[in-house]
Every structure is written in structure tokens, then in C-alpha cells.
């Protein structure tokens, strides 16, 4: 079964959706993305364009889609600065070191305001 999800709905800036799968065993929707090759690799500290050293995959949790838990596998570039220094590019929808998207954090924050402990 194939599902077409427009990019405007997911708002995954800098990523291209390759595949959407539903994992029957874990009952989760998994969205596989790859880094958009048209986007330049930018050093998050200096803001200058850099060379890509390697691509790193991360698995982050997103807000439920169609009532099912959603995981997004994204690909981020490690930017080559000099011979001893490399930095991960900035991702606009996930904070550095976080395993949750901003959308998921906003959802949880909204639920906390209306639910009891």
C-alpha cells in the first residue's frame, strides 16, 4: 500500500521523502528521508558553505499521523571545516541532540496544559 504525503504537510525542510512504510509488528508509521542534494551544506557556527564529509542518519519521533505513532529517519550532513574539525549541519525541525521534532514537542506541551497528571 502506498501513501502520498505532500511535503507541505510534513514541513521537512532540507529533506526529501523517499518512502513511507507502516511497520505491522510495532504499529508505527516510518518515513524514510534523504538529504536534499540541492541544498548546500552550511556550517552552523560561521554560516558559510562547506564541503560534506559524510552523511549521518538519525531517527526522530514525530506527531502521530493517521492516529499512528510516527518515526522519521532523516539524513544530515557532517560539514568539513578543516583537517581536525567537522560539524553537523543545522536541522530546522529538530534541535541538536534531540530525538523529537518541534511539532511533537508542541503537541506534548499542548496536551500537558489540558490533561491531569
PDB file of N, CA and C in Angstrom:
ATOM      1  N   UNK A   1       0.836  -1.177   0.000  1.00  0.00           N
ATOM      2  CA  UNK A   1       0.000   0.000   0.000  1.00  0.00           C
ATOM      3  C   UNK A   1       0.878   1.235   0.000  1.00  0.00           C
ATOM      4  N   UNK A   2       0.554   2.186  -0.810  1.00  0.00           N
ATOM      5  CA  UNK A   2       1.348   3.402  -0.948  1.00  0.00           C
ATOM      6  C   UNK A   2       0.529   4.609  -0.512  1.00  0.00           C
ATOM      7  N   UNK A   3       1.192   5.534   0.192  1.00  0.00           N
ATOM      8  CA  UNK A   3       0.547   6.761   0.647  1.00  0.00           C
ATOM      9  C   UNK A   3       1.368   7.931   0.134  1.00  0.00           C
ATOM     10  N   UNK A   4       0.720   8.873  -0.525  1.00  0.00           N
ATOM     11  CA  UNK A   4       1.390  10.084  -0.973  1.00  0.00           C
ATOM     12  C   UNK A   4       1.105  11.190   0.042  1.00  0.00           C
ATOM     13  N   UNK A   5       2.156  11.697   0.675  1.00  0.00           N
ATOM     14  CA  UNK A   5       2.012  12.775   1.643  1.00  0.00           C
ATOM     15  C   UNK A   5       2.715  13.999   1.069  1.00  0.00           C
ATOM     16  N   UNK A   6       1.982  15.081   0.809  1.00  0.00           N
ATOM     17  CA  UNK A   6       2.618  16.286   0.274  1.00  0.00           C
ATOM     18  C   UNK A   6       3.662  16.841   1.248  1.00  0.00           C
ATOM     19  N   UNK A   7       4.734  17.399   0.693  1.00  0.00           N
ATOM     20  CA  UNK A   7       5.820  17.917   1.530  1.00  0.00           C
ATOM     21  C   UNK A   7       5.378  19.093   2.387  1.00  0.00           C
ATOM     22  N   UNK A   8       4.340  19.816   1.964  1.00  0.00           N
ATOM     23  CA  UNK A   8       3.850  20.957   2.750  1.00  0.00           C
ATOM     24  C   UNK A   8       3.246  20.500   4.073  1.00  0.00           C
ATOM     25  N   UNK A   9       2.715  19.291   4.124  1.00  0.00           N
ATOM     26  CA  UNK A   9       2.117  18.777   5.356  1.00  0.00           C
ATOM     27  C   UNK A   9       3.205  18.424   6.362  1.00  0.00           C
ATOM     28  N   UNK A  10       4.254  17.758   5.922  1.00  0.00           N
ATOM     29  CA  UNK A  10       5.305  17.323   6.851  1.00  0.00           C
ATOM     30  C   UNK A  10       6.281  18.437   7.194  1.00  0.00           C
ATOM     31  N   UNK A  11       6.472  19.412   6.332  1.00  0.00           N
ATOM     32  CA  UNK A  11       7.422  20.520   6.517  1.00  0.00           C
ATOM     33  C   UNK A  11       8.796  20.035   6.978  1.00  0.00           C
ATOM     34  N   UNK A  12       9.378  19.168   6.209  1.00  0.00           N
ATOM     35  CA  UNK A  12      10.716  18.655   6.487  1.00  0.00           C
ATOM     36  C   UNK A  12      11.707  19.400   5.600  1.00  0.00           C
ATOM     37  N   UNK A  13      12.033  20.607   5.979  1.00  0.00           N
ATOM     38  CA  UNK A  13      12.904  21.452   5.167  1.00  0.00           C
ATOM     39  C   UNK A  13      14.297  20.838   5.065  1.00  0.00           C
ATOM     40  N   UNK A  14      14.773  20.724   3.833  1.00  0.00           N
ATOM     41  CA  UNK A  14      16.095  20.159   3.588  1.00  0.00           C
ATOM     42  C   UNK A  14      16.098  18.654   3.424  1.00  0.00           C
ATOM     43  N   UNK A  15      14.932  18.022   3.519  1.00  0.00           N
ATOM     44  CA  UNK A  15      14.829  16.569   3.384  1.00  0.00           C
ATOM     45  C   UNK A  15      13.876  16.231   2.248  1.00  0.00           C
ATOM     46  N   UNK A  16      14.099  15.092   1.633  1.00  0.00           N
ATOM     47  CA  UNK A  16      13.204  14.576   0.592  1.00  0.00           C
ATOM     48  C   UNK A  16      12.646  13.242   1.067  1.00  0.00           C
ATOM     49  N   UNK A  17      11.335  13.108   1.033  1.00  0.00           N
ATOM     50  CA  UNK A  17      10.698  11.863   1.465  1.00  0.00           C
ATOM     51  C   UNK A  17      10.891  10.808   0.380  1.00  0.00           C
ATOM     52  N   UNK A  18      11.518   9.699   0.757  1.00  0.00           N
ATOM     53  CA  UNK A  18      11.751   8.597  -0.178  1.00  0.00           C
ATOM     54  C   UNK A  18      10.680   7.530  -0.071  1.00  0.00           C
ATOM     55  N   UNK A  19      10.354   7.189   1.174  1.00  0.00           N
ATOM     56  CA  UNK A  19       9.478   6.046   1.364  1.00  0.00           C
ATOM     57  C   UNK A  19       8.676   6.235   2.647  1.00  0.00           C
ATOM     58  N   UNK A  20       7.427   5.821   2.604  1.00  0.00           N
ATOM     59  CA  UNK A  20       6.564   5.811   3.775  1.00  0.00           C
ATOM     60  C   UNK A  20       6.125   4.372   3.975  1.00  0.00           C
ATOM     61  N   UNK A  21       6.485   3.801   5.142  1.00  0.00           N
ATOM     62  CA  UNK A  21       6.144   2.408   5.426  1.00  0.00           C
ATOM     63  C   UNK A  21       5.388   2.322   6.740  1.00  0.00           C
ATOM     64  N   UNK A  22       4.532   1.342   6.852  1.00  0.00           N
ATOM     65  CA  UNK A  22       3.859   1.051   8.104  1.00  0.00           C
ATOM     66  C   UNK A  22       4.412  -0.252   8.647  1.00  0.00           C
ATOM     67  N   UNK A  23       5.035  -0.191   9.828  1.00  0.00           N
ATOM     68  CA  UNK A  23       5.611  -1.374  10.460  1.00  0.00           C
ATOM     69  C   UNK A  23       4.496  -2.111  11.193  1.00  0.00           C
ATOM     70  N   UNK A  24       4.096  -3.254  10.662  1.00  0.00           N
ATOM     71  CA  UNK A  24       2.984  -4.029  11.234  1.00  0.00           C
ATOM     72  C   UNK A  24       3.310  -4.552  12.628  1.00  0.00           C
ATOM     73  N   UNK A  25       4.568  -4.939  12.860  1.00  0.00           N
ATOM     74  CA  UNK A  25       4.947  -5.521  14.150  1.00  0.00           C
ATOM     75  C   UNK A  25       4.845  -4.498  15.283  1.00  0.00           C
ATOM     76  N   UNK A  26       5.385  -3.299  15.064  1.00  0.00           N
ATOM     77  CA  UNK A  26       5.410  -2.273  16.112  1.00  0.00           C
ATOM     78  C   UNK A  26       4.270  -1.275  16.007  1.00  0.00           C
ATOM     79  N   UNK A  27       3.443  -1.393  14.970  1.00  0.00           N
ATOM     80  CA  UNK A  27       2.310  -0.480  14.734  1.00  0.00           C
ATOM     81  C   UNK A  27       2.777   0.972  14.681  1.00  0.00           C
ATOM     82  N   UNK A  28       3.807   1.239  13.867  1.00  0.00           N
ATOM     83  CA  UNK A  28       4.349   2.593  13.708  1.00  0.00           C
ATOM     84  C   UNK A  28       4.493   2.927  12.240  1.00  0.00           C
ATOM     85  N   UNK A  29       4.285   4.199  11.939  1.00  0.00           N
ATOM     86  CA  UNK A  29       4.497   4.719  10.595  1.00  0.00           C
ATOM     87  C   UNK A  29       5.939   5.222  10.523  1.00  0.00           C
ATOM     88  N   UNK A  30       6.703   4.753   9.547  1.00  0.00           N
ATOM     89  CA  UNK A  30       8.104   5.141   9.406  1.00  0.00           C
ATOM     90  C   UNK A  30       8.277   5.864   8.078  1.00  0.00           C
ATOM     91  N   UNK A  31       8.801   7.089   8.161  1.00  0.00           N
ATOM     92  CA  UNK A  31       9.032   7.906   6.972  1.00  0.00           C
ATOM     93  C   UNK A  31      10.537   7.970   6.739  1.00  0.00           C
ATOM     94  N   UNK A  32      10.993   7.434   5.617  1.00  0.00           N
ATOM     95  CA  UNK A  32      12.414   7.447   5.283  1.00  0.00           C
ATOM     96  C   UNK A  32      12.700   8.659   4.399  1.00  0.00           C
ATOM     97  N   UNK A  33      13.643   9.489   4.823  1.00  0.00           N
ATOM     98  CA  UNK A  33      14.019  10.684   4.062  1.00  0.00           C
ATOM     99  C   UNK A  33      15.493  10.629   3.719  1.00  0.00           C
ATOM    100  N   UNK A  34      15.867  11.424   2.731  1.00  0.00           N
ATOM    101  CA  UNK A  34      17.290  11.634   2.437  1.00  0.00           C
ATOM    102  C   UNK A  34      17.504  13.128   2.301  1.00  0.00           C
ATOM    103  N   UNK A  35      18.721  13.536   2.519  1.00  0.00           N
ATOM    104  CA  UNK A  35      19.072  14.950   2.446  1.00  0.00           C
ATOM    105  C   UNK A  35      18.856  15.458   1.025  1.00  0.00           C
ATOM    106  N   UNK A  36      18.277  16.641   0.918  1.00  0.00           N
ATOM    107  CA  UNK A  36      18.040  17.251  -0.391  1.00  0.00           C
ATOM    108  C   UNK A  36      19.377  17.706  -0.966  1.00  0.00           C
ATOM    109  N   UNK A  37      19.762  17.128  -2.082  1.00  0.00           N
ATOM    110  CA  UNK A  37      21.078  17.415  -2.680  1.00  0.00           C
ATOM    111  C   UNK A  37      21.171  18.837  -3.223  1.00  0.00           C
ATOM    112  N   UNK A  38      20.034  19.487  -3.462  1.00  0.00           N
ATOM    113  CA  UNK A  38      20.045  20.860  -3.980  1.00  0.00           C
ATOM    114  C   UNK A  38      20.429  21.871  -2.899  1.00  0.00           C
ATOM    115  N   UNK A  39      20.374  21.486  -1.661  1.00  0.00           N
ATOM    116  CA  UNK A  39      20.666  22.384  -0.545  1.00  0.00           C
ATOM    117  C   UNK A  39      22.152  22.306  -0.192  1.00  0.00           C
ATOM    118  N   UNK A  40      22.788  23.454  -0.059  1.00  0.00           N
ATOM    119  CA  UNK A  40      24.221  23.493   0.267  1.00  0.00           C
ATOM    120  C   UNK A  40      24.431  23.142   1.735  1.00  0.00           C
ATOM    121  N   UNK A  41      25.555  22.516   2.022  1.00  0.00           N
ATOM    122  CA  UNK A  41      25.927  22.200   3.403  1.00  0.00           C
ATOM    123  C   UNK A  41      26.474  23.469   4.051  1.00  0.00           C
ATOM    124  N   UNK A  42      25.851  23.896   5.152  1.00  0.00           N
ATOM    125  CA  UNK A  42      26.228  25.148   5.801  1.00  0.00           C
ATOM    126  C   UNK A  42      26.762  24.857   7.200  1.00  0.00           C
ATOM    127  N   UNK A  43      27.894  25.458   7.532  1.00  0.00           N
ATOM    128  CA  UNK A  43      28.462  25.344   8.868  1.00  0.00           C
ATOM    129  C   UNK A  43      27.549  26.085   9.843  1.00  0.00           C
ATOM    130  N   UNK A  44      27.051  25.426  10.907  1.00  0.00           N
ATOM    131  CA  UNK A  44      26.114  26.080  11.819  1.00  0.00           C
ATOM    132  C   UNK A  44      26.720  27.211  12.639  1.00  0.00           C
ATOM    133  N   UNK A  45      28.021  27.240  12.815  1.00  0.00           N
ATOM    134  CA  UNK A  45      28.669  28.280  13.626  1.00  0.00           C
ATOM    135  C   UNK A  45      28.961  29.523  12.800  1.00  0.00           C
ATOM    136  N   UNK A  46      29.614  29.352  11.657  1.00  0.00           N
ATOM    137  CA  UNK A  46      30.012  30.510  10.853  1.00  0.00           C
ATOM    138  C   UNK A  46      28.968  30.896   9.810  1.00  0.00           C
ATOM    139  N   UNK A  47      28.100  29.969   9.421  1.00  0.00           N
ATOM    140  CA  UNK A  47      27.092  30.250   8.404  1.00  0.00           C
ATOM    141  C   UNK A  47      27.630  30.190   6.983  1.00  0.00           C
ATOM    142  N   UNK A  48      28.844  29.702   6.811  1.00  0.00           N
ATOM    143  CA  UNK A  48      29.441  29.610   5.475  1.00  0.00           C
ATOM    144  C   UNK A  48      29.213  28.224   4.877  1.00  0.00           C
ATOM    145  N   UNK A  49      29.219  28.183   3.551  1.00  0.00           N
ATOM    146  CA  UNK A  49      29.085  26.906   2.868  1.00  0.00           C
ATOM    147  C   UNK A  49      30.336  26.074   3.100  1.00  0.00           C
ATOM    148  N   UNK A  50      30.130  24.784   3.262  1.00  0.00           N
ATOM    149  CA  UNK A  50      31.251  23.879   3.473  1.00  0.00           C
ATOM    150  C   UNK A  50      31.121  22.648   2.601  1.00  0.00           C
ATOM    151  N   UNK A  51      32.086  21.788   2.720  1.00  0.00           N
ATOM    152  CA  UNK A  51      32.107  20.544   1.966  1.00  0.00           C
ATOM    153  C   UNK A  51      31.530  19.434   2.844  1.00  0.00           C
ATOM    154  N   UNK A  52      30.776  18.537   2.257  1.00  0.00           N
ATOM    155  CA  UNK A  52      30.193  17.434   3.020  1.00  0.00           C
ATOM    156  C   UNK A  52      31.249  16.364   3.255  1.00  0.00           C
ATOM    157  N   UNK A  53      31.450  16.030   4.534  1.00  0.00           N
ATOM    158  CA  UNK A  53      32.393  14.981   4.896  1.00  0.00           C
ATOM    159  C   UNK A  53      31.715  13.614   4.784  1.00  0.00           C
ATOM    160  N   UNK A  54      30.556  13.492   5.414  1.00  0.00           N
ATOM    161  CA  UNK A  54      29.761  12.266   5.309  1.00  0.00           C
ATOM    162  C   UNK A  54      28.325  12.567   5.703  1.00  0.00           C
ATOM    163  N   UNK A  55      27.431  11.645   5.364  1.00  0.00           N
ATOM    164  CA  UNK A  55      26.014  11.781   5.702  1.00  0.00           C
ATOM    165  C   UNK A  55      25.694  10.846   6.865  1.00  0.00           C
ATOM    166  N   UNK A  56      24.948  11.365   7.828  1.00  0.00           N
ATOM    167  CA  UNK A  56      24.612  10.603   9.027  1.00  0.00           C
ATOM    168  C   UNK A  56      23.095  10.498   9.134  1.00  0.00           C
ATOM    169  N   UNK A  57      22.602   9.300   9.398  1.00  0.00           N
ATOM    170  CA  UNK A  57      21.166   9.075   9.544  1.00  0.00           C
ATOM    171  C   UNK A  57      20.776   9.170  11.021  1.00  0.00           C
ATOM    172  N   UNK A  58      19.612   9.801  11.257  1.00  0.00           N
ATOM    173  CA  UNK A  58      19.051   9.903  12.607  1.00  0.00           C
ATOM    174  C   UNK A  58      17.590   9.491  12.555  1.00  0.00           C
ATOM    175  N   UNK A  59      17.127   8.901  13.639  1.00  0.00           N
ATOM    176  CA  UNK A  59      15.730   8.511  13.761  1.00  0.00           C
ATOM    177  C   UNK A  59      15.091   9.404  14.818  1.00  0.00           C
ATOM    178  N   UNK A  60      14.100  10.199  14.409  1.00  0.00           N
ATOM    179  CA  UNK A  60      13.430  11.118  15.330  1.00  0.00           C
ATOM    180  C   UNK A  60      11.937  10.801  15.370  1.00  0.00           C
ATOM    181  N   UNK A  61      11.333  11.136  16.489  1.00  0.00           N
ATOM    182  CA  UNK A  61       9.912  10.876  16.680  1.00  0.00           C
ATOM    183  C   UNK A  61       9.112  12.107  16.305  1.00  0.00           C
ATOM    184  N   UNK A  62       7.993  11.897  15.630  1.00  0.00           N
ATOM    185  CA  UNK A  62       7.147  12.995  15.184  1.00  0.00           C
ATOM    186  C   UNK A  62       5.727  12.782  15.691  1.00  0.00           C
ATOM    187  N   UNK A  63       4.893  13.790  15.498  1.00  0.00           N
ATOM    188  CA  UNK A  63       3.488  13.722  15.913  1.00  0.00           C
ATOM    189  C   UNK A  63       2.795  12.581  15.174  1.00  0.00           C
ATOM    190  N   UNK A  64       1.798  11.977  15.786  1.00  0.00           N
ATOM    191  CA  UNK A  64       1.095  10.872  15.131  1.00  0.00           C
ATOM    192  C   UNK A  64       0.471  11.288  13.801  1.00  0.00           C
ATOM    193  N   UNK A  65       0.505  10.361  12.850  1.00  0.00           N
ATOM    194  CA  UNK A  65      -0.104  10.567  11.537  1.00  0.00           C
ATOM    195  C   UNK A  65      -1.152   9.478  11.357  1.00  0.00           C
ATOM    196  N   UNK A  66      -2.352   9.854  10.983  1.00  0.00           N
ATOM    197  CA  UNK A  66      -3.466   8.921  10.829  1.00  0.00           C
ATOM    198  C   UNK A  66      -3.700   8.116  12.106  1.00  0.00           C
ATOM    199  N   UNK A  67      -3.420   8.715  13.258  1.00  0.00           N
ATOM    200  CA  UNK A  67      -3.648   8.053  14.544  1.00  0.00           C
ATOM    201  C   UNK A  67      -2.581   7.042  14.917  1.00  0.00           C
ATOM    202  N   UNK A  68      -1.508   6.962  14.158  1.00  0.00           N
ATOM    203  CA  UNK A  68      -0.435   6.004  14.431  1.00  0.00           C
ATOM    204  C   UNK A  68       0.840   6.752  14.825  1.00  0.00           C
ATOM    205  N   UNK A  69       1.642   6.204  15.760  1.00  0.00           N
ATOM    206  CA  UNK A  69       2.928   6.829  16.090  1.00  0.00           C
ATOM    207  C   UNK A  69       3.789   6.931  14.833  1.00  0.00           C
ATOM    208  N   UNK A  70       4.573   7.998  14.748  1.00  0.00           N
ATOM    209  CA  UNK A  70       5.344   8.264  13.540  1.00  0.00           C
ATOM    210  C   UNK A  70       6.820   8.455  13.875  1.00  0.00           C
ATOM    211  N   UNK A  71       7.672   7.795  13.126  1.00  0.00           N
ATOM    212  CA  UNK A  71       9.124   7.960  13.221  1.00  0.00           C
ATOM    213  C   UNK A  71       9.619   8.466  11.875  1.00  0.00           C
ATOM    214  N   UNK A  72      10.571   9.403  11.917  1.00  0.00           N
ATOM    215  CA  UNK A  72      11.140   9.937  10.690  1.00  0.00           C
ATOM    216  C   UNK A  72      12.638   9.654  10.694  1.00  0.00           C
ATOM    217  N   UNK A  73      13.103   8.979   9.659  1.00  0.00           N
ATOM    218  CA  UNK A  73      14.538   8.736   9.507  1.00  0.00           C
ATOM    219  C   UNK A  73      15.078   9.829   8.594  1.00  0.00           C
ATOM    220  N   UNK A  74      15.910  10.719   9.152  1.00  0.00           N
ATOM    221  CA  UNK A  74      16.458  11.828   8.376  1.00  0.00           C
ATOM    222  C   UNK A  74      17.951  11.618   8.143  1.00  0.00           C
ATOM    223  N   UNK A  75      18.468  12.347   7.177  1.00  0.00           N
ATOM    224  CA  UNK A  75      19.881  12.260   6.825  1.00  0.00           C
ATOM    225  C   UNK A  75      20.472  13.666   6.947  1.00  0.00           C
ATOM    226  N   UNK A  76      21.496  13.810   7.780  1.00  0.00           N
ATOM    227  CA  UNK A  76      22.148  15.105   7.980  1.00  0.00           C
ATOM    228  C   UNK A  76      23.595  15.033   7.513  1.00  0.00           C
ATOM    229  N   UNK A  77      24.097  16.164   7.038  1.00  0.00           N
ATOM    230  CA  UNK A  77      25.472  16.226   6.536  1.00  0.00           C
ATOM    231  C   UNK A  77      26.420  16.657   7.642  1.00  0.00           C
ATOM    232  N   UNK A  78      27.557  16.009   7.676  1.00  0.00           N
ATOM    233  CA  UNK A  78      28.642  16.445   8.547  1.00  0.00           C
ATOM    234  C   UNK A  78      29.519  17.345   7.675  1.00  0.00           C
ATOM    235  N   UNK A  79      29.652  18.615   8.078  1.00  0.00           N
ATOM    236  CA  UNK A  79      30.356  19.609   7.271  1.00  0.00           C
ATOM    237  C   UNK A  79      31.840  19.608   7.642  1.00  0.00           C
ATOM    238  N   UNK A  80      32.670  19.517   6.617  1.00  0.00           N
ATOM    239  CA  UNK A  80      34.124  19.522   6.790  1.00  0.00           C
ATOM    240  C   UNK A  80      34.586  20.971   6.941  1.00  0.00           C
ATOM    241  N   UNK A  81      35.194  21.317   8.084  1.00  0.00           N
ATOM    242  CA  UNK A  81      35.674  22.671   8.349  1.00  0.00           C
ATOM    243  C   UNK A  81      37.168  22.764   8.037  1.00  0.00           C
ATOM    244  N   UNK A  82      37.958  21.979   8.705  1.00  0.00           N
ATOM    245  CA  UNK A  82      39.389  21.866   8.418  1.00  0.00           C
ATOM    246  C   UNK A  82      39.813  20.436   8.745  1.00  0.00           C
ATOM    247  N   UNK A  83      41.103  20.169   8.743  1.00  0.00           N
ATOM    248  CA  UNK A  83      41.572  18.787   8.903  1.00  0.00           C
ATOM    249  C   UNK A  83      41.184  18.174  10.242  1.00  0.00           C
ATOM    250  N   UNK A  84      40.964  18.998  11.267  1.00  0.00           N
ATOM    251  CA  UNK A  84      40.662  18.452  12.589  1.00  0.00           C
ATOM    252  C   UNK A  84      39.239  18.736  13.058  1.00  0.00           C
ATOM    253  N   UNK A  85      38.470  19.457  12.280  1.00  0.00           N
ATOM    254  CA  UNK A  85      37.156  19.875  12.764  1.00  0.00           C
ATOM    255  C   UNK A  85      36.048  19.600  11.746  1.00  0.00           C
ATOM    256  N   UNK A  86      34.987  18.983  12.255  1.00  0.00           N
ATOM    257  CA  UNK A  86      33.788  18.710  11.463  1.00  0.00           C
ATOM    258  C   UNK A  86      32.579  19.007  12.337  1.00  0.00           C
ATOM    259  N   UNK A  87      31.523  19.570  11.727  1.00  0.00           N
ATOM    260  CA  UNK A  87      30.313  19.915  12.473  1.00  0.00           C
ATOM    261  C   UNK A  87      29.090  19.405  11.732  1.00  0.00           C
ATOM    262  N   UNK A  88      28.049  19.092  12.495  1.00  0.00           N
ATOM    263  CA  UNK A  88      26.779  18.674  11.907  1.00  0.00           C
ATOM    264  C   UNK A  88      26.011  19.905  11.463  1.00  0.00           C
ATOM    265  N   UNK A  89      25.387  19.817  10.283  1.00  0.00           N
ATOM    266  CA  UNK A  89      24.603  20.945   9.792  1.00  0.00           C
ATOM    267  C   UNK A  89      23.358  21.135  10.661  1.00  0.00           C
ATOM    268  N   UNK A  90      22.821  22.344  10.641  1.00  0.00           N
ATOM    269  CA  UNK A  90      21.626  22.676  11.414  1.00  0.00           C
ATOM    270  C   UNK A  90      20.395  22.076  10.747  1.00  0.00           C
ATOM    271  N   UNK A  91      19.512  21.508  11.535  1.00  0.00           N
ATOM    272  CA  UNK A  91      18.257  20.968  11.034  1.00  0.00           C
ATOM    273  C   UNK A  91      17.126  21.835  11.586  1.00  0.00           C
ATOM    274  N   UNK A  92      16.312  22.452  10.733  1.00  0.00           N
ATOM    275  CA  UNK A  92      15.323  23.421  11.206  1.00  0.00           C
ATOM    276  C   UNK A  92      14.153  22.836  12.002  1.00  0.00           C
ATOM    277  N   UNK A  93      13.912  21.541  11.907  1.00  0.00           N
ATOM    278  CA  UNK A  93      12.757  20.989  12.615  1.00  0.00           C
ATOM    279  C   UNK A  93      13.126  20.059  13.772  1.00  0.00           C
ATOM    280  N   UNK A  94      14.431  19.863  14.037  1.00  0.00           N
ATOM    281  CA  UNK A  94      14.898  19.055  15.170  1.00  0.00           C
ATOM    282  C   UNK A  94      16.062  19.786  15.817  1.00  0.00           C
ATOM    283  N   UNK A  95      16.030  19.913  17.146  1.00  0.00           N
ATOM    284  CA  UNK A  95      17.146  20.530  17.858  1.00  0.00           C
ATOM    285  C   UNK A  95      18.337  19.580  17.895  1.00  0.00           C
ATOM    286  N   UNK A  96      19.505  20.137  18.096  1.00  0.00           N
ATOM    287  CA  UNK A  96      20.731  19.357  18.149  1.00  0.00           C
ATOM    288  C   UNK A  96      20.663  18.370  19.327  1.00  0.00           C
ATOM    289  N   UNK A  97      20.887  17.110  19.056  1.00  0.00           N
ATOM    290  CA  UNK A  97      20.891  16.077  20.088  1.00  0.00           C
ATOM    291  C   UNK A  97      19.513  15.616  20.539  1.00  0.00           C
ATOM    292  N   UNK A  98      18.455  16.152  19.962  1.00  0.00           N
ATOM    293  CA  UNK A  98      17.101  15.784  20.348  1.00  0.00           C
ATOM    294  C   UNK A  98      16.592  14.644  19.467  1.00  0.00           C
ATOM    295  N   UNK A  99      15.730  13.827  20.028  1.00  0.00           N
ATOM    296  CA  UNK A  99      15.138  12.728  19.281  1.00  0.00           C
ATOM    297  C   UNK A  99      13.670  12.982  18.968  1.00  0.00           C
ATOM    298  N   UNK A 100      13.219  14.248  19.125  1.00  0.00           N
ATOM    299  CA  UNK A 100      11.837  14.621  18.878  1.00  0.00           C
ATOM    300  C   UNK A 100      11.795  15.855  17.987  1.00  0.00           C
ATOM    301  N   UNK A 101      10.816  15.910  17.084  1.00  0.00           N
ATOM    302  CA  UNK A 101      10.652  17.093  16.240  1.00  0.00           C
ATOM    303  C   UNK A 101       9.990  18.202  17.053  1.00  0.00           C
ATOM    304  N   UNK A 102      10.114  19.440  16.569  1.00  0.00           N
ATOM    305  CA  UNK A 102       9.478  20.574  17.239  1.00  0.00           C
ATOM    306  C   UNK A 102       7.962  20.396  17.266  1.00  0.00           C
ATOM    307  N   UNK A 103       7.402  19.838  16.195  1.00  0.00           N
ATOM    308  CA  UNK A 103       5.957  19.614  16.113  1.00  0.00           C
ATOM    309  C   UNK A 103       5.497  18.663  17.218  1.00  0.00           C
ATOM    310  N   UNK A 104       6.260  17.597  17.479  1.00  0.00           N
ATOM    311  CA  UNK A 104       5.910  16.637  18.524  1.00  0.00           C
ATOM    312  C   UNK A 104       6.000  17.283  19.909  1.00  0.00           C
ATOM    313  N   UNK A 105       7.021  18.105  20.120  1.00  0.00           N
ATOM    314  CA  UNK A 105       7.170  18.800  21.406  1.00  0.00           C
ATOM    315  C   UNK A 105       6.019  19.773  21.646  1.00  0.00           C
ATOM    316  N   UNK A 106       5.584  20.478  20.596  1.00  0.00           N
ATOM    317  CA  UNK A 106       4.428  21.382  20.733  1.00  0.00           C
ATOM    318  C   UNK A 106       3.158  20.607  21.052  1.00  0.00           C
ATOM    319  N   UNK A 107       2.993  19.437  20.436  1.00  0.00           N
ATOM    320  CA  UNK A 107       1.837  18.601  20.710  1.00  0.00           C
ATOM    321  C   UNK A 107       1.819  18.171  22.174  1.00  0.00           C
ATOM    322  N   UNK A 108       2.946  17.703  22.687  1.00  0.00           N
ATOM    323  CA  UNK A 108       3.022  17.282  24.086  1.00  0.00           C
ATOM    324  C   UNK A 108       2.790  18.447  25.036  1.00  0.00           C
ATOM    325  N   UNK A 109       3.330  19.599  24.705  1.00  0.00           N
ATOM    326  CA  UNK A 109       3.132  20.783  25.535  1.00  0.00           C
ATOM    327  C   UNK A 109       1.656  21.160  25.594  1.00  0.00           C
ATOM    328  N   UNK A 110       0.983  21.096  24.472  1.00  0.00           N
ATOM    329  CA  UNK A 110      -0.447  21.401  24.440  1.00  0.00           C
ATOM    330  C   UNK A 110      -1.266  20.393  25.224  1.00  0.00           C
ATOM    331  N   UNK A 111      -0.897  19.108  25.140  1.00  0.00           N
ATOM    332  CA  UNK A 111      -1.610  18.084  25.888  1.00  0.00           C
ATOM    333  C   UNK A 111      -1.418  18.250  27.397  1.00  0.00           C
ATOM    334  N   UNK A 112      -0.218  18.659  27.807  1.00  0.00           N
ATOM    335  CA  UNK A 112       0.067  18.844  29.237  1.00  0.00           C
ATOM    336  C   UNK A 112      -0.800  19.939  29.847  1.00  0.00           C
ATOM    337  N   UNK A 113      -1.165  20.938  29.074  1.00  0.00           N
ATOM    338  CA  UNK A 113      -1.999  22.023  29.582  1.00  0.00           C
ATOM    339  C   UNK A 113      -3.420  21.571  29.877  1.00  0.00           C
ATOM    340  N   UNK A 114      -3.880  20.530  29.181  1.00  0.00           N
ATOM    341  CA  UNK A 114      -5.273  20.130  29.283  1.00  0.00           C
ATOM    342  C   UNK A 114      -5.508  18.809  29.984  1.00  0.00           C
ATOM    343  N   UNK A 115      -4.445  18.098  30.330  1.00  0.00           N
ATOM    344  CA  UNK A 115      -4.613  16.776  30.945  1.00  0.00           C
ATOM    345  C   UNK A 115      -4.125  16.794  32.391  1.00  0.00           C
ATOM    346  N   UNK A 116      -4.705  15.948  33.172  1.00  0.00           N
ATOM    347  CA  UNK A 116      -4.259  15.840  34.572  1.00  0.00           C
ATOM    348  C   UNK A 116      -3.040  14.921  34.653  1.00  0.00           C
ATOM    349  N   UNK A 117      -2.364  14.968  35.758  1.00  0.00           N
ATOM    350  CA  UNK A 117      -1.207  14.096  35.961  1.00  0.00           C
ATOM    351  C   UNK A 117      -1.696  12.704  36.208  1.00  0.00           C
TER     352      UNK A 117
END
